């Protein structure tokens, strides 16, 4: 999640510098939370399948 936030901030700073800094932080936080949710879901499903 931290790598996603860093990459999102870097890409937004490089390509979309006209967006306000606060909005860029919100986008990066949303991206990292979404990636964390997807990772948690996939690992949970994989862990559940291994129990069977």
Protein backbone atom coordinates (compact mmCIF):
# COMPACT_ATOMS: atom_id res chain seq x y z
CA UNK A 1 0.00 0.00 0.00
CA UNK A 2 2.84 2.37 0.76
CA UNK A 3 4.43 1.72 -2.62
CA UNK A 4 1.12 2.47 -4.34
CA UNK A 5 0.80 5.76 -2.47
CA UNK A 6 4.35 6.78 -3.36
CA UNK A 7 3.88 5.81 -7.01
CA UNK A 8 0.55 7.64 -7.19
CA UNK A 9 2.01 10.81 -5.71
CA UNK A 10 4.99 10.65 -8.06
CA UNK A 11 2.82 10.10 -11.15
CA UNK A 12 0.38 12.82 -10.15
CA UNK A 13 3.22 15.25 -9.48
CA UNK A 14 4.94 14.41 -12.76
CA UNK A 15 1.96 14.37 -15.12
CA UNK A 16 -0.79 16.34 -13.36
CA UNK A 17 0.99 19.14 -11.51
CA UNK A 18 -1.94 21.51 -12.11
CA UNK A 19 -4.06 19.54 -9.59
CA UNK A 20 -3.92 20.96 -6.06
CA UNK A 21 -1.67 19.18 -3.57
CA UNK A 22 -4.53 18.28 -1.23
CA UNK A 23 -6.47 16.63 -4.03
CA UNK A 24 -3.37 14.69 -5.10
CA UNK A 25 -3.00 13.38 -1.54
CA UNK A 26 -6.65 12.33 -1.49
CA UNK A 27 -6.25 10.48 -4.79
CA UNK A 28 -3.10 8.74 -3.54
CA UNK A 29 -4.79 7.73 -0.27
CA UNK A 30 -7.78 6.38 -2.18
CA UNK A 31 -5.51 4.42 -4.51
CA UNK A 32 -3.58 2.88 -1.63
CA UNK A 33 -6.76 1.95 0.26
CA UNK A 34 -8.23 0.38 -2.85
CA UNK A 35 -5.07 -1.64 -3.49
CA UNK A 36 -5.04 -2.75 0.15
CA UNK A 37 -8.67 -3.85 -0.07
CA UNK A 38 -8.02 -5.83 -3.24
CA UNK A 39 -4.92 -7.45 -1.74
CA UNK A 40 -6.74 -8.33 1.48
CA UNK A 41 -9.63 -9.85 -0.46
CA UNK A 42 -7.39 -11.92 -2.71
CA UNK A 43 -5.21 -13.17 0.15
CA UNK A 44 -8.30 -13.97 2.25
CA UNK A 45 -9.84 -15.99 -0.59
CA UNK A 46 -6.54 -17.79 -1.19
CA UNK A 47 -6.15 -18.56 2.52
CA UNK A 48 -9.74 -19.83 2.71
CA UNK A 49 -9.19 -22.13 -0.30
CA UNK A 50 -6.06 -23.63 1.28
CA UNK A 51 -8.01 -24.71 4.38
CA UNK A 52 -10.21 -27.08 2.37
